[in-house]
Amino acid sequence: MKVGTIGSGMIVDRMIEAMKLTDGISVEAVYSRTMERAVEYAHKHAVKKAYDDMDDMLADPSIDTVYVASPNSLHYAQSKRALEAGKHVICEKPFAPSVDQANELFALARQKGVYIFEAITTIHVPNFKIVKEHLKDIGEIKMVQCNFSQYSSRYGKYKEHIVTNVFDPAFNGGALMDINVYCLHFVTGLFGEPISSRYIANKGYNGIDTSGVVIMEYPGMLAICTGAKDSSSPNHAIVQGDKGTLRVYGSSCGVCAHVEYLPTKGDMIGKKDADLSQNIGVDQKPHMTYECETFLSVIENQDEETYQALCQQTLRVVSLLEKSLHQI
């Protein structure tokens, strides 16, 4: 896989480093709106080619895959341009603001004989899979709590009425699209599509959701996904069953750094705190490497089963995002 990137910033920095750590992937080029910025970014990551014309990069025969990590509102249009150029696409979360747009991208990929993936770390890391494997150990599941709250470095400017992309509705910003999407992937990756959902948000002066809660109903179970860019909290994901609890902690559910099993309250009587939990997670590599490995494997092996499962997972979350945006 030979990749050209669109976008810059911390998440692109991390993805480029993850790609470099993945055998079979090389980053061949970067695109930015100005050549000065493109050259600077290429030099930073020791990438050979820099482009300030997207069409020129898309026409480069040495590139077979494009990583789209521009502002959220540009994901759909730029992914579409890359697909039309016959490139595989890795599109950063959120994949698209509507199911219609998501389906259009998947259909175009099929027409062009290429693949398009959502770059969402949650469902690819080993510790997420460990949580999924241990659901059977905690009995009948009653509650799921996910909290990914991270005070934005741009929130101070927002309070001064200086609106940047992440707090701009025109750029599909806000806590739901930018941060709570990880929680939605965690829950739907484990339990599928809910019966119903409702989004309740704290809205800023321009209508953007600076924080909010998605409440999802499943048969016999509720899931609550909290995402905030106007405040912080220790990030966690907790799955509560009548025979035990699974807890993801030490990071967001996009990383799933640590996983532990906790017995039910009745099983704790007479035991010391140290005996109450059991670490069941594994030490992970840099978390973005796992999605890179999955995308590469699907392309090289033309693994339609895995690809279709990823497409359906993306569509579940896009459907929730679209519905939630309408609710605010």
C-alpha atoms as a PDB file:
ATOM      1  CA  MET A   1       0.000   0.000   0.000  1.00  0.00           C
ATOM      2  CA  LYS A   2       1.480   3.334  -1.101  1.00  0.00           C
ATOM      3  CA  VAL A   3      -0.294   6.240   0.559  1.00  0.00           C
ATOM      4  CA  GLY A   4      -0.839   9.906  -0.112  1.00  0.00           C
ATOM      5  CA  THR A   5      -2.237  11.926   2.789  1.00  0.00           C
ATOM      6  CA  ILE A   6      -4.684  14.829   2.848  1.00  0.00           C
ATOM      7  CA  GLY A   7      -4.629  16.917   6.008  1.00  0.00           C
ATOM      8  CA  SER A   8      -2.242  17.699   8.827  1.00  0.00           C
ATOM      9  CA  GLY A   9      -2.200  17.921  12.583  1.00  0.00           C
ATOM     10  CA  MET A  10      -1.855  15.510  15.483  1.00  0.00           C
ATOM     11  CA  ILE A  11      -4.114  12.754  14.172  1.00  0.00           C
ATOM     12  CA  VAL A  12      -2.308  12.723  10.814  1.00  0.00           C
ATOM     13  CA  ASP A  13       1.052  12.712  12.581  1.00  0.00           C
ATOM     14  CA  ARG A  14      -0.018   9.614  14.499  1.00  0.00           C
ATOM     15  CA  MET A  15      -1.423   7.864  11.437  1.00  0.00           C
ATOM     16  CA  ILE A  16       1.721   8.479   9.397  1.00  0.00           C
ATOM     17  CA  GLU A  17       3.833   7.025  12.194  1.00  0.00           C
ATOM     18  CA  ALA A  18       1.465   4.040  12.462  1.00  0.00           C
ATOM     19  CA  MET A  19       1.727   3.435   8.726  1.00  0.00           C
ATOM     20  CA  LYS A  20       5.504   3.539   8.938  1.00  0.00           C
ATOM     21  CA  LEU A  21       5.361   0.864  11.651  1.00  0.00           C
ATOM     22  CA  THR A  22       3.199  -1.399   9.455  1.00  0.00           C
ATOM     23  CA  ASP A  23       5.017  -3.730   7.081  1.00  0.00           C
ATOM     24  CA  GLY A  24       3.676  -3.312   3.562  1.00  0.00           C
ATOM     25  CA  ILE A  25       2.650   0.354   3.905  1.00  0.00           C
ATOM     26  CA  SER A  26       4.669   3.378   2.839  1.00  0.00           C
ATOM     27  CA  VAL A  27       3.717   7.049   2.852  1.00  0.00           C
ATOM     28  CA  GLU A  28       4.678   8.417  -0.559  1.00  0.00           C
ATOM     29  CA  ALA A  29       3.229  11.930  -0.545  1.00  0.00           C
ATOM     30  CA  VAL A  30       1.439  14.599   1.448  1.00  0.00           C
ATOM     31  CA  TYR A  31      -1.009  17.237   0.249  1.00  0.00           C
ATOM     32  CA  SER A  32      -1.641  20.657   1.746  1.00  0.00           C
ATOM     33  CA  ARG A  33      -3.313  23.780   0.420  1.00  0.00           C
ATOM     34  CA  THR A  34       0.018  25.619   0.119  1.00  0.00           C
ATOM     35  CA  MET A  35       3.293  24.233  -1.170  1.00  0.00           C
ATOM     36  CA  GLU A  36       5.142  25.791   1.744  1.00  0.00           C
ATOM     37  CA  ARG A  37       3.016  23.850   4.218  1.00  0.00           C
ATOM     38  CA  ALA A  38       3.165  20.667   2.130  1.00  0.00           C
ATOM     39  CA  VAL A  39       6.970  20.785   1.925  1.00  0.00           C
ATOM     40  CA  GLU A  40       7.236  21.517   5.635  1.00  0.00           C
ATOM     41  CA  TYR A  41       4.977  18.577   6.481  1.00  0.00           C
ATOM     42  CA  ALA A  42       6.745  16.225   4.086  1.00  0.00           C
ATOM     43  CA  HIS A  43      10.090  17.160   5.622  1.00  0.00           C
ATOM     44  CA  LYS A  44       8.723  16.625   9.140  1.00  0.00           C
ATOM     45  CA  HIS A  45       7.779  13.031   8.298  1.00  0.00           C
ATOM     46  CA  ALA A  46      10.582  12.263   5.814  1.00  0.00           C
ATOM     47  CA  VAL A  47       8.091  11.854   2.967  1.00  0.00           C
ATOM     48  CA  LYS A  48       9.441  12.177  -0.572  1.00  0.00           C
ATOM     49  CA  LYS A  49       6.690  14.097  -2.349  1.00  0.00           C
ATOM     50  CA  ALA A  50       4.701  17.213  -1.491  1.00  0.00           C
ATOM     51  CA  TYR A  51       1.656  18.494  -3.379  1.00  0.00           C
ATOM     52  CA  ASP A  52      -0.439  21.659  -3.207  1.00  0.00           C
ATOM     53  CA  ASP A  53      -2.740  20.471  -6.010  1.00  0.00           C
ATOM     54  CA  MET A  54      -4.968  17.576  -4.968  1.00  0.00           C
ATOM     55  CA  ASP A  55      -5.689  16.484  -8.540  1.00  0.00           C
ATOM     56  CA  ASP A  56      -1.945  16.199  -9.203  1.00  0.00           C
ATOM     57  CA  MET A  57      -1.530  13.927  -6.193  1.00  0.00           C
ATOM     58  CA  LEU A  58      -4.540  11.844  -7.192  1.00  0.00           C
ATOM     59  CA  ALA A  59      -3.024  11.426 -10.653  1.00  0.00           C
ATOM     60  CA  ASP A  60       0.273  10.151  -9.222  1.00  0.00           C
ATOM     61  CA  PRO A  61       0.577   6.503 -10.377  1.00  0.00           C
ATOM     62  CA  SER A  62       2.876   5.662  -7.456  1.00  0.00           C
ATOM     63  CA  ILE A  63      -0.006   6.225  -5.003  1.00  0.00           C
ATOM     64  CA  ASP A  64      -2.709   3.574  -4.686  1.00  0.00           C
ATOM     65  CA  THR A  65      -4.339   4.719  -1.429  1.00  0.00           C
ATOM     66  CA  VAL A  66      -5.403   8.114  -0.098  1.00  0.00           C
ATOM     67  CA  TYR A  67      -5.794   8.927   3.587  1.00  0.00           C
ATOM     68  CA  VAL A  68      -8.351  11.715   4.082  1.00  0.00           C
ATOM     69  CA  ALA A  69      -7.969  13.566   7.388  1.00  0.00           C
ATOM     70  CA  SER A  70      -9.145  17.051   6.512  1.00  0.00           C
ATOM     71  CA  PRO A  71     -11.870  18.923   8.471  1.00  0.00           C
ATOM     72  CA  ASN A  72     -14.960  16.747   8.947  1.00  0.00           C
ATOM     73  CA  SER A  73     -17.090  18.575   6.390  1.00  0.00           C
ATOM     74  CA  LEU A  74     -14.586  17.763   3.624  1.00  0.00           C
ATOM     75  CA  HIS A  75     -14.406  13.998   4.213  1.00  0.00           C
ATOM     76  CA  TYR A  76     -17.207  13.095   1.817  1.00  0.00           C
ATOM     77  CA  ALA A  77     -16.163  15.312  -1.103  1.00  0.00           C
ATOM     78  CA  GLN A  78     -12.449  14.523  -0.905  1.00  0.00           C
ATOM     79  CA  SER A  79     -13.041  10.793  -0.449  1.00  0.00           C
ATOM     80  CA  LYS A  80     -15.286  10.882  -3.516  1.00  0.00           C
ATOM     81  CA  ARG A  81     -12.578  12.594  -5.586  1.00  0.00           C
ATOM     82  CA  ALA A  82     -10.036   9.984  -4.524  1.00  0.00           C
ATOM     83  CA  LEU A  83     -12.394   7.113  -5.372  1.00  0.00           C
ATOM     84  CA  GLU A  84     -13.138   8.629  -8.775  1.00  0.00           C
ATOM     85  CA  ALA A  85      -9.382   8.657  -9.366  1.00  0.00           C
ATOM     86  CA  GLY A  86      -9.330   4.898  -8.729  1.00  0.00           C
ATOM     87  CA  LYS A  87      -7.608   5.044  -5.337  1.00  0.00           C
ATOM     88  CA  HIS A  88      -8.405   3.092  -2.201  1.00  0.00           C
ATOM     89  CA  VAL A  89      -9.487   5.491   0.556  1.00  0.00           C
ATOM     90  CA  ILE A  90      -8.964   5.588   4.292  1.00  0.00           C
ATOM     91  CA  CYS A  91     -11.378   8.254   5.556  1.00  0.00           C
ATOM     92  CA  GLU A  92     -10.974   9.607   9.067  1.00  0.00           C
ATOM     93  CA  LYS A  93     -13.902   9.488  11.426  1.00  0.00           C
ATOM     94  CA  PRO A  94     -16.610  10.686  11.171  1.00  0.00           C
ATOM     95  CA  PHE A  95     -17.044   8.937   7.833  1.00  0.00           C
ATOM     96  CA  ALA A  96     -19.981  11.045   6.620  1.00  0.00           C
ATOM     97  CA  PRO A  97     -22.845  13.079   8.138  1.00  0.00           C
ATOM     98  CA  SER A  98     -25.570  11.074   6.383  1.00  0.00           C
ATOM     99  CA  VAL A  99     -26.379   7.495   5.421  1.00  0.00           C
ATOM    100  CA  ASP A 100     -27.059   8.575   1.832  1.00  0.00           C
ATOM    101  CA  GLN A 101     -23.559   9.995   1.471  1.00  0.00           C
ATOM    102  CA  ALA A 102     -21.983   6.943   3.104  1.00  0.00           C
ATOM    103  CA  ASN A 103     -23.849   4.578   0.785  1.00  0.00           C
ATOM    104  CA  GLU A 104     -22.835   6.685  -2.200  1.00  0.00           C
ATOM    105  CA  LEU A 105     -19.162   6.351  -1.273  1.00  0.00           C
ATOM    106  CA  PHE A 106     -19.446   2.589  -0.768  1.00  0.00           C
ATOM    107  CA  ALA A 107     -21.243   2.212  -4.118  1.00  0.00           C
ATOM    108  CA  LEU A 108     -18.636   4.314  -5.922  1.00  0.00           C
ATOM    109  CA  ALA A 109     -15.847   2.211  -4.421  1.00  0.00           C
ATOM    110  CA  ARG A 110     -17.516  -0.956  -5.731  1.00  0.00           C
ATOM    111  CA  GLN A 111     -17.938   0.628  -9.166  1.00  0.00           C
ATOM    112  CA  LYS A 112     -14.256   1.586  -9.299  1.00  0.00           C
ATOM    113  CA  GLY A 113     -13.035  -1.751  -7.949  1.00  0.00           C
ATOM    114  CA  VAL A 114     -11.404  -0.225  -4.861  1.00  0.00           C
ATOM    115  CA  TYR A 115     -12.036  -0.132  -1.108  1.00  0.00           C
ATOM    116  CA  ILE A 116     -12.974   2.673   1.255  1.00  0.00           C
ATOM    117  CA  PHE A 117     -12.517   2.376   5.011  1.00  0.00           C
ATOM    118  CA  GLU A 118     -13.375   4.481   8.024  1.00  0.00           C
ATOM    119  CA  ALA A 119     -10.337   5.180  10.178  1.00  0.00           C
ATOM    120  CA  ILE A 120     -11.781   4.431  13.611  1.00  0.00           C
ATOM    121  CA  THR A 121      -9.340   2.824  16.018  1.00  0.00           C
ATOM    122  CA  THR A 122     -11.838   1.496  18.575  1.00  0.00           C
ATOM    123  CA  ILE A 123     -13.043  -1.625  16.789  1.00  0.00           C
ATOM    124  CA  HIS A 124      -9.583  -2.752  15.667  1.00  0.00           C
ATOM    125  CA  VAL A 125      -7.526  -2.765  18.875  1.00  0.00           C
ATOM    126  CA  PRO A 126      -6.970  -6.133  20.611  1.00  0.00           C
ATOM    127  CA  ASN A 127      -8.415  -5.001  23.945  1.00  0.00           C
ATOM    128  CA  PHE A 128     -11.742  -4.121  22.319  1.00  0.00           C
ATOM    129  CA  LYS A 129     -11.861  -7.661  20.957  1.00  0.00           C
ATOM    130  CA  ILE A 130     -11.075  -8.978  24.433  1.00  0.00           C
ATOM    131  CA  VAL A 131     -14.041  -7.064  25.832  1.00  0.00           C
ATOM    132  CA  LYS A 132     -16.222  -8.633  23.148  1.00  0.00           C
ATOM    133  CA  GLU A 133     -14.952 -12.134  23.938  1.00  0.00           C
ATOM    134  CA  HIS A 134     -15.671 -11.722  27.673  1.00  0.00           C
ATOM    135  CA  LEU A 135     -19.231 -10.425  27.406  1.00  0.00           C
ATOM    136  CA  LYS A 136     -20.426 -13.983  28.020  1.00  0.00           C
ATOM    137  CA  ASP A 137     -18.679 -13.953  31.414  1.00  0.00           C
ATOM    138  CA  ILE A 138     -20.702 -11.118  32.934  1.00  0.00           C
ATOM    139  CA  GLY A 139     -24.167 -12.592  32.566  1.00  0.00           C
ATOM    140  CA  GLU A 140     -27.179 -10.608  31.422  1.00  0.00           C
ATOM    141  CA  ILE A 141     -25.959  -7.170  30.437  1.00  0.00           C
ATOM    142  CA  LYS A 142     -27.937  -4.267  31.875  1.00  0.00           C
ATOM    143  CA  MET A 143     -25.970  -1.057  31.433  1.00  0.00           C
ATOM    144  CA  VAL A 144     -23.125   0.309  29.327  1.00  0.00           C
ATOM    145  CA  GLN A 145     -21.406   3.594  30.141  1.00  0.00           C
ATOM    146  CA  CYS A 146     -18.892   5.280  27.837  1.00  0.00           C
ATOM    147  CA  ASN A 147     -17.297   8.623  28.586  1.00  0.00           C
ATOM    148  CA  PHE A 148     -14.821  10.327  26.263  1.00  0.00           C
ATOM    149  CA  SER A 149     -14.490  13.877  27.557  1.00  0.00           C
ATOM    150  CA  GLN A 150     -11.483  15.959  26.644  1.00  0.00           C
ATOM    151  CA  TYR A 151     -11.313  19.716  27.134  1.00  0.00           C
ATOM    152  CA  SER A 152     -10.501  21.248  23.767  1.00  0.00           C
ATOM    153  CA  SER A 153      -7.527  23.567  23.444  1.00  0.00           C
ATOM    154  CA  ARG A 154      -9.772  25.652  21.175  1.00  0.00           C
ATOM    155  CA  TYR A 155     -12.634  26.023  23.650  1.00  0.00           C
ATOM    156  CA  GLY A 156     -11.104  29.149  25.196  1.00  0.00           C
ATOM    157  CA  LYS A 157     -11.181  30.851  21.802  1.00  0.00           C
ATOM    158  CA  TYR A 158     -14.741  29.647  21.275  1.00  0.00           C
ATOM    159  CA  LYS A 159     -15.839  31.319  24.509  1.00  0.00           C
ATOM    160  CA  GLU A 160     -14.354  34.531  23.131  1.00  0.00           C
ATOM    161  CA  HIS A 161     -16.486  34.055  19.982  1.00  0.00           C
ATOM    162  CA  ILE A 162     -13.517  32.983  17.862  1.00  0.00           C
ATOM    163  CA  VAL A 163     -14.944  29.921  16.086  1.00  0.00           C
ATOM    164  CA  THR A 164     -12.532  27.276  14.779  1.00  0.00           C
ATOM    165  CA  ASN A 165     -13.432  24.185  12.751  1.00  0.00           C
ATOM    166  CA  VAL A 166     -14.107  21.918  15.735  1.00  0.00           C
ATOM    167  CA  PHE A 167     -16.809  24.282  17.045  1.00  0.00           C
ATOM    168  CA  ASP A 168     -18.271  25.241  13.675  1.00  0.00           C
ATOM    169  CA  PRO A 169     -21.499  23.555  12.484  1.00  0.00           C
ATOM    170  CA  ALA A 170     -20.494  24.336   8.882  1.00  0.00           C
ATOM    171  CA  PHE A 171     -17.462  22.065   9.327  1.00  0.00           C
ATOM    172  CA  ASN A 172     -19.450  19.255  11.002  1.00  0.00           C
ATOM    173  CA  GLY A 173     -17.707  20.040  14.262  1.00  0.00           C
ATOM    174  CA  GLY A 174     -18.956  19.458  17.782  1.00  0.00           C
ATOM    175  CA  ALA A 175     -18.588  16.876  20.503  1.00  0.00           C
ATOM    176  CA  LEU A 176     -20.762  14.238  18.809  1.00  0.00           C
ATOM    177  CA  MET A 177     -18.929  14.142  15.488  1.00  0.00           C
ATOM    178  CA  ASP A 178     -15.448  14.756  16.814  1.00  0.00           C
ATOM    179  CA  ILE A 179     -15.271  12.716  20.002  1.00  0.00           C
ATOM    180  CA  ASN A 180     -18.448  10.840  20.965  1.00  0.00           C
ATOM    181  CA  VAL A 181     -18.232   8.932  17.679  1.00  0.00           C
ATOM    182  CA  TYR A 182     -15.636   6.700  19.384  1.00  0.00           C
ATOM    183  CA  CYS A 183     -18.161   5.785  22.090  1.00  0.00           C
ATOM    184  CA  LEU A 184     -20.820   5.020  19.483  1.00  0.00           C
ATOM    185  CA  HIS A 185     -18.417   2.664  17.725  1.00  0.00           C
ATOM    186  CA  PHE A 186     -17.582   0.967  21.029  1.00  0.00           C
ATOM    187  CA  VAL A 187     -21.219   0.253  21.875  1.00  0.00           C
ATOM    188  CA  THR A 188     -22.473  -0.678  18.392  1.00  0.00           C
ATOM    189  CA  GLY A 189     -19.321  -2.703  17.748  1.00  0.00           C
ATOM    190  CA  LEU A 190     -20.334  -4.865  20.712  1.00  0.00           C
ATOM    191  CA  PHE A 191     -24.130  -4.852  20.498  1.00  0.00           C
ATOM    192  CA  GLY A 192     -25.129  -3.723  17.013  1.00  0.00           C
ATOM    193  CA  GLU A 193     -27.841  -1.225  16.180  1.00  0.00           C
ATOM    194  CA  PRO A 194     -30.049  -0.033  19.059  1.00  0.00           C
ATOM    195  CA  ILE A 195     -33.835  -0.120  19.127  1.00  0.00           C
ATOM    196  CA  SER A 196     -33.908   3.621  19.706  1.00  0.00           C
ATOM    197  CA  SER A 197     -31.567   6.485  20.497  1.00  0.00           C
ATOM    198  CA  ARG A 198     -31.755  10.056  21.742  1.00  0.00           C
ATOM    199  CA  TYR A 199     -29.109  12.781  21.805  1.00  0.00           C
ATOM    200  CA  ILE A 200     -29.237  15.468  24.495  1.00  0.00           C
ATOM    201  CA  ALA A 201     -26.612  18.180  24.111  1.00  0.00           C
ATOM    202  CA  ASN A 202     -25.201  21.288  25.721  1.00  0.00           C
ATOM    203  CA  LYS A 203     -25.313  23.774  22.865  1.00  0.00           C
ATOM    204  CA  GLY A 204     -23.104  26.804  22.390  1.00  0.00           C
ATOM    205  CA  TYR A 205     -24.106  30.227  21.121  1.00  0.00           C
ATOM    206  CA  ASN A 206     -23.798  29.157  17.460  1.00  0.00           C
ATOM    207  CA  GLY A 207     -25.790  25.957  17.961  1.00  0.00           C
ATOM    208  CA  ILE A 208     -22.797  23.599  18.142  1.00  0.00           C
ATOM    209  CA  ASP A 209     -22.897  20.763  20.669  1.00  0.00           C
ATOM    210  CA  THR A 210     -20.001  21.410  23.025  1.00  0.00           C
ATOM    211  CA  SER A 211     -20.895  18.281  24.988  1.00  0.00           C
ATOM    212  CA  GLY A 212     -23.699  15.766  25.040  1.00  0.00           C
ATOM    213  CA  VAL A 213     -25.090  12.353  25.882  1.00  0.00           C
ATOM    214  CA  VAL A 214     -26.455   9.705  23.503  1.00  0.00           C
ATOM    215  CA  ILE A 215     -28.883   7.319  25.211  1.00  0.00           C
ATOM    216  CA  MET A 216     -29.403   4.039  23.347  1.00  0.00           C
ATOM    217  CA  GLU A 217     -31.993   1.402  24.134  1.00  0.00           C
ATOM    218  CA  TYR A 218     -31.405  -2.320  23.505  1.00  0.00           C
ATOM    219  CA  PRO A 219     -33.588  -5.254  24.583  1.00  0.00           C
ATOM    220  CA  GLY A 220     -33.186  -5.346  28.367  1.00  0.00           C
ATOM    221  CA  MET A 221     -30.239  -2.938  28.307  1.00  0.00           C
ATOM    222  CA  LEU A 222     -29.373   0.755  28.155  1.00  0.00           C
ATOM    223  CA  ALA A 223     -26.179   2.351  26.837  1.00  0.00           C
ATOM    224  CA  ILE A 224     -25.089   5.893  27.635  1.00  0.00           C
ATOM    225  CA  CYS A 225     -22.389   7.571  25.557  1.00  0.00           C
ATOM    226  CA  THR A 226     -20.970  10.842  26.875  1.00  0.00           C
ATOM    227  CA  GLY A 227     -18.708  13.095  24.841  1.00  0.00           C
ATOM    228  CA  ALA A 228     -17.418  16.534  25.823  1.00  0.00           C
ATOM    229  CA  LYS A 229     -15.087  19.155  24.423  1.00  0.00           C
ATOM    230  CA  ASP A 230     -16.028  21.799  27.005  1.00  0.00           C
ATOM    231  CA  SER A 231     -14.932  19.801  30.067  1.00  0.00           C
ATOM    232  CA  SER A 232     -12.852  16.781  31.034  1.00  0.00           C
ATOM    233  CA  SER A 233     -13.285  13.497  32.838  1.00  0.00           C
ATOM    234  CA  PRO A 234     -11.292  10.293  33.312  1.00  0.00           C
ATOM    235  CA  ASN A 235     -12.200   8.417  30.136  1.00  0.00           C
ATOM    236  CA  HIS A 236     -13.682   4.968  30.524  1.00  0.00           C
ATOM    237  CA  ALA A 237     -16.085   2.378  29.193  1.00  0.00           C
ATOM    238  CA  ILE A 238     -18.013   0.142  31.584  1.00  0.00           C
ATOM    239  CA  VAL A 239     -20.180  -2.852  30.648  1.00  0.00           C
ATOM    240  CA  GLN A 240     -22.344  -3.999  33.556  1.00  0.00           C
ATOM    241  CA  GLY A 241     -23.848  -7.474  33.749  1.00  0.00           C
ATOM    242  CA  ASP A 242     -25.646  -9.318  36.532  1.00  0.00           C
ATOM    243  CA  LYS A 243     -22.633 -11.630  36.984  1.00  0.00           C
ATOM    244  CA  GLY A 244     -19.840  -9.113  36.651  1.00  0.00           C
ATOM    245  CA  THR A 245     -18.522  -5.948  35.057  1.00  0.00           C
ATOM    246  CA  LEU A 246     -15.971  -5.192  32.352  1.00  0.00           C
ATOM    247  CA  ARG A 247     -14.098  -1.904  32.661  1.00  0.00           C
ATOM    248  CA  VAL A 248     -11.926  -0.179  30.082  1.00  0.00           C
ATOM    249  CA  TYR A 249      -9.764   2.503  31.668  1.00  0.00           C
ATOM    250  CA  GLY A 250      -6.555   4.474  31.438  1.00  0.00           C
ATOM    251  CA  SER A 251      -7.486   5.925  28.062  1.00  0.00           C
ATOM    252  CA  SER A 252     -10.436   6.614  25.801  1.00  0.00           C
ATOM    253  CA  CYS A 253     -12.437   3.806  24.227  1.00  0.00           C
ATOM    254  CA  GLY A 254     -10.588   4.697  21.025  1.00  0.00           C
ATOM    255  CA  VAL A 255      -7.469   3.172  22.597  1.00  0.00           C
ATOM    256  CA  CYS A 256      -8.798   0.686  25.200  1.00  0.00           C
ATOM    257  CA  ALA A 257      -5.466   0.688  27.016  1.00  0.00           C
ATOM    258  CA  HIS A 258      -6.520  -1.506  29.947  1.00  0.00           C
ATOM    259  CA  VAL A 259      -9.363  -3.945  30.531  1.00  0.00           C
ATOM    260  CA  GLU A 260     -10.403  -5.566  33.784  1.00  0.00           C
ATOM    261  CA  TYR A 261     -13.110  -7.912  35.003  1.00  0.00           C
ATOM    262  CA  LEU A 262     -14.908  -7.089  38.250  1.00  0.00           C
ATOM    263  CA  PRO A 263     -17.174  -9.581  40.039  1.00  0.00           C
ATOM    264  CA  THR A 264     -20.653  -8.592  41.203  1.00  0.00           C
ATOM    265  CA  LYS A 265     -21.096  -6.955  44.593  1.00  0.00           C
ATOM    266  CA  GLY A 266     -22.275 -10.159  46.223  1.00  0.00           C
ATOM    267  CA  ASP A 267     -19.096 -11.928  45.197  1.00  0.00           C
ATOM    268  CA  MET A 268     -16.925  -9.239  46.823  1.00  0.00           C
ATOM    269  CA  ILE A 269     -17.939  -9.850  50.440  1.00  0.00           C
ATOM    270  CA  GLY A 270     -14.952 -10.704  52.603  1.00  0.00           C
ATOM    271  CA  LYS A 271     -12.407 -10.050  49.868  1.00  0.00           C
ATOM    272  CA  LYS A 272      -9.689  -7.417  49.786  1.00  0.00           C
ATOM    273  CA  ASP A 273      -9.643  -4.729  47.114  1.00  0.00           C
ATOM    274  CA  ALA A 274      -6.672  -6.361  45.415  1.00  0.00           C
ATOM    275  CA  ASP A 275      -8.695  -9.539  44.926  1.00  0.00           C
ATOM    276  CA  LEU A 276     -11.705  -7.862  43.399  1.00  0.00           C
ATOM    277  CA  SER A 277     -10.476  -7.209  39.868  1.00  0.00           C
ATOM    278  CA  GLN A 278      -8.764  -9.290  37.233  1.00  0.00           C
ATOM    279  CA  ASN A 279      -6.749  -7.682  34.475  1.00  0.00           C
ATOM    280  CA  ILE A 280      -7.707  -9.363  31.209  1.00  0.00           C
ATOM    281  CA  GLY A 281      -6.279  -6.895  28.680  1.00  0.00           C
ATOM    282  CA  VAL A 282      -3.002  -7.126  26.808  1.00  0.00           C
ATOM    283  CA  ASP A 283      -0.203  -4.652  26.185  1.00  0.00           C
ATOM    284  CA  GLN A 284      -0.873  -3.069  22.822  1.00  0.00           C
ATOM    285  CA  LYS A 285       1.274  -1.555  20.111  1.00  0.00           C
ATOM    286  CA  PRO A 286       0.556   2.059  19.060  1.00  0.00           C
ATOM    287  CA  HIS A 287      -3.189   1.796  18.643  1.00  0.00           C
ATOM    288  CA  MET A 288      -3.442   3.093  15.077  1.00  0.00           C
ATOM    289  CA  THR A 289      -1.269   0.291  13.733  1.00  0.00           C
ATOM    290  CA  TYR A 290      -4.088  -2.235  14.121  1.00  0.00           C
ATOM    291  CA  GLU A 291      -6.486  -0.490  11.755  1.00  0.00           C
ATOM    292  CA  CYS A 292      -3.631  -0.067   9.260  1.00  0.00           C
ATOM    293  CA  GLU A 293      -2.983  -3.812   9.387  1.00  0.00           C
ATOM    294  CA  THR A 294      -6.672  -4.551   8.827  1.00  0.00           C
ATOM    295  CA  PHE A 295      -6.968  -2.225   5.823  1.00  0.00           C
ATOM    296  CA  LEU A 296      -3.813  -3.647   4.246  1.00  0.00           C
ATOM    297  CA  SER A 297      -4.998  -7.225   4.764  1.00  0.00           C
ATOM    298  CA  VAL A 298      -8.405  -6.539   3.196  1.00  0.00           C
ATOM    299  CA  ILE A 299      -6.811  -4.962   0.122  1.00  0.00           C
ATOM    300  CA  GLU A 300      -4.105  -7.590  -0.356  1.00  0.00           C
ATOM    301  CA  ASN A 301      -6.431 -10.551   0.224  1.00  0.00           C
ATOM    302  CA  GLN A 302      -9.569  -9.001  -1.296  1.00  0.00           C
ATOM    303  CA  ASP A 303     -11.266 -10.012   1.945  1.00  0.00           C
ATOM    304  CA  GLU A 304     -14.890  -9.182   1.138  1.00  0.00           C
ATOM    305  CA  GLU A 305     -16.291 -10.677   4.335  1.00  0.00           C
ATOM    306  CA  THR A 306     -14.208  -8.420   6.575  1.00  0.00           C
ATOM    307  CA  TYR A 307     -14.774  -5.435   4.299  1.00  0.00           C
ATOM    308  CA  GLN A 308     -18.561  -5.809   4.322  1.00  0.00           C
ATOM    309  CA  ALA A 309     -18.541  -6.128   8.115  1.00  0.00           C
ATOM    310  CA  LEU A 310     -16.575  -2.872   8.344  1.00  0.00           C
ATOM    311  CA  CYS A 311     -18.977  -1.152   5.953  1.00  0.00           C
ATOM    312  CA  GLN A 312     -21.979  -2.238   7.995  1.00  0.00           C
ATOM    313  CA  GLN A 313     -20.326  -1.043  11.212  1.00  0.00           C
ATOM    314  CA  THR A 314     -19.679   2.358   9.663  1.00  0.00           C
ATOM    315  CA  LEU A 315     -23.277   2.594   8.443  1.00  0.00           C
ATOM    316  CA  ARG A 316     -24.622   1.824  11.938  1.00  0.00           C
ATOM    317  CA  VAL A 317     -22.691   4.711  13.400  1.00  0.00           C
ATOM    318  CA  VAL A 318     -23.406   7.129  10.540  1.00  0.00           C
ATOM    319  CA  SER A 319     -27.117   6.387  11.015  1.00  0.00           C
ATOM    320  CA  LEU A 320     -26.840   7.269  14.714  1.00  0.00           C
ATOM    321  CA  LEU A 321     -24.861  10.423  13.961  1.00  0.00           C
ATOM    322  CA  GLU A 322     -27.411  11.587  11.389  1.00  0.00           C
ATOM    323  CA  LYS A 323     -30.328  10.960  13.717  1.00  0.00           C
ATOM    324  CA  SER A 324     -28.573  12.647  16.628  1.00  0.00           C
ATOM    325  CA  LEU A 325     -27.705  15.733  14.572  1.00  0.00           C
ATOM    326  CA  HIS A 326     -31.371  16.111  13.635  1.00  0.00           C
ATOM    327  CA  GLN A 327     -32.309  15.901  17.316  1.00  0.00           C
ATOM    328  CA  ILE A 328     -30.215  18.976  18.146  1.00  0.00           C
END
